[in-house]
Amino acid sequence: MYVFDWKTNVLMQGYNQESMRKAIEANDYILQAHIYMEALASYLDLTQRLELAGFFFVFLRGLDSKGSGILFLERQLCIKK
């Protein structure tokens, strides 16, 4: 199972992997992803035995037919230390 988070940020440097990672770090979206993943994992543990695989950040303003605007992080990368 995956989590999708829709973002509407305007990234002046474009929507490549590096600029999206910088935006995620600058806005502390890793913490947000961690909270979402933990809440969903807790809920699923109570209801189903599905495993969370990762988190997609979808920057809506950067979407195109080539896949720009989407950044995927595996679950372990969404853990805030």
Protein backbone atom coordinates (compact mmCIF):
# COMPACT_ATOMS: atom_id res chain seq x y z
CA MET A 1 0.00 0.00 0.00
CA TYR A 2 1.17 3.51 -0.78
CA VAL A 3 0.33 6.96 0.58
CA PHE A 4 -0.09 9.89 -1.82
CA ASP A 5 0.26 13.50 -0.70
CA TRP A 6 -0.82 16.20 -3.14
CA LYS A 7 1.31 19.36 -3.05
CA THR A 8 0.55 22.68 -4.74
CA ASN A 9 3.93 24.32 -4.16
CA VAL A 10 5.39 26.49 -6.90
CA LEU A 11 9.00 25.39 -7.35
CA MET A 12 10.96 28.07 -9.15
CA GLN A 13 13.78 25.61 -9.94
CA GLY A 14 11.40 23.24 -11.73
CA TYR A 15 9.96 19.90 -10.71
CA ASN A 16 12.97 17.63 -11.04
CA GLN A 17 13.90 15.14 -8.33
CA GLU A 18 16.48 17.43 -6.71
CA SER A 19 14.24 20.49 -6.43
CA MET A 20 11.34 18.41 -5.10
CA ARG A 21 13.63 16.85 -2.46
CA LYS A 22 14.80 20.33 -1.44
CA ALA A 23 11.18 21.49 -1.10
CA ILE A 24 10.33 18.42 0.98
CA GLU A 25 13.26 19.08 3.30
CA ALA A 26 12.70 22.86 3.50
CA ASN A 27 9.02 22.43 4.41
CA ASP A 28 9.58 19.48 6.77
CA TYR A 29 7.31 17.24 4.72
CA ILE A 30 9.29 14.23 5.96
CA LEU A 31 7.73 14.82 9.38
CA GLN A 32 4.32 15.07 7.76
CA ALA A 33 4.94 11.82 5.84
CA HIS A 34 6.08 10.12 9.05
CA ILE A 35 2.91 11.15 10.87
CA TYR A 36 0.69 9.98 7.99
CA MET A 37 2.53 6.66 7.69
CA GLU A 38 2.41 5.96 11.44
CA ALA A 39 -1.29 6.84 11.69
CA LEU A 40 -2.15 4.67 8.69
CA ALA A 41 0.03 1.80 9.91
CA SER A 42 -1.70 1.94 13.28
CA TYR A 43 -5.13 1.95 11.65
CA LEU A 44 -4.25 -0.89 9.28
CA ASP A 45 -2.82 -2.96 12.13
CA LEU A 46 -6.24 -2.77 13.75
CA THR A 47 -8.22 -3.54 10.60
CA GLN A 48 -6.09 -5.38 8.04
CA ARG A 49 -2.71 -6.95 7.50
CA LEU A 50 -1.49 -4.71 4.68
CA GLU A 51 2.08 -3.47 4.53
CA LEU A 52 2.93 0.14 3.75
CA ALA A 53 5.51 0.34 0.97
CA GLY A 54 6.12 4.05 0.60
CA PHE A 55 5.04 7.61 0.12
CA PHE A 56 4.42 9.57 -3.08
CA PHE A 57 4.72 13.35 -3.05
CA VAL A 58 2.77 14.60 -6.06
CA PHE A 59 3.51 18.20 -6.99
CA LEU A 60 0.39 19.03 -9.00
CA ARG A 61 1.86 22.08 -10.74
CA GLY A 62 4.75 20.00 -12.07
CA LEU A 63 2.86 17.01 -13.48
CA ASP A 64 3.46 16.18 -17.11
CA SER A 65 3.35 13.15 -19.40
CA LYS A 66 7.02 12.36 -18.68
CA GLY A 67 6.46 11.78 -14.97
CA SER A 68 7.79 15.08 -13.69
CA GLY A 69 6.33 16.30 -10.43
CA ILE A 70 6.30 12.94 -8.63
CA LEU A 71 8.77 11.94 -5.94
CA PHE A 72 8.63 8.53 -4.23
CA LEU A 73 10.17 7.73 -0.86
CA GLU A 74 10.33 4.22 0.54
CA ARG A 75 8.76 3.80 3.96
CA GLN A 76 12.07 3.74 5.84
CA LEU A 77 12.96 7.14 4.35
CA CYS A 78 9.81 8.63 5.91
CA ILE A 79 10.98 7.95 9.44
CA LYS A 80 11.82 11.14 11.32
CA LYS A 81 14.66 10.72 13.77
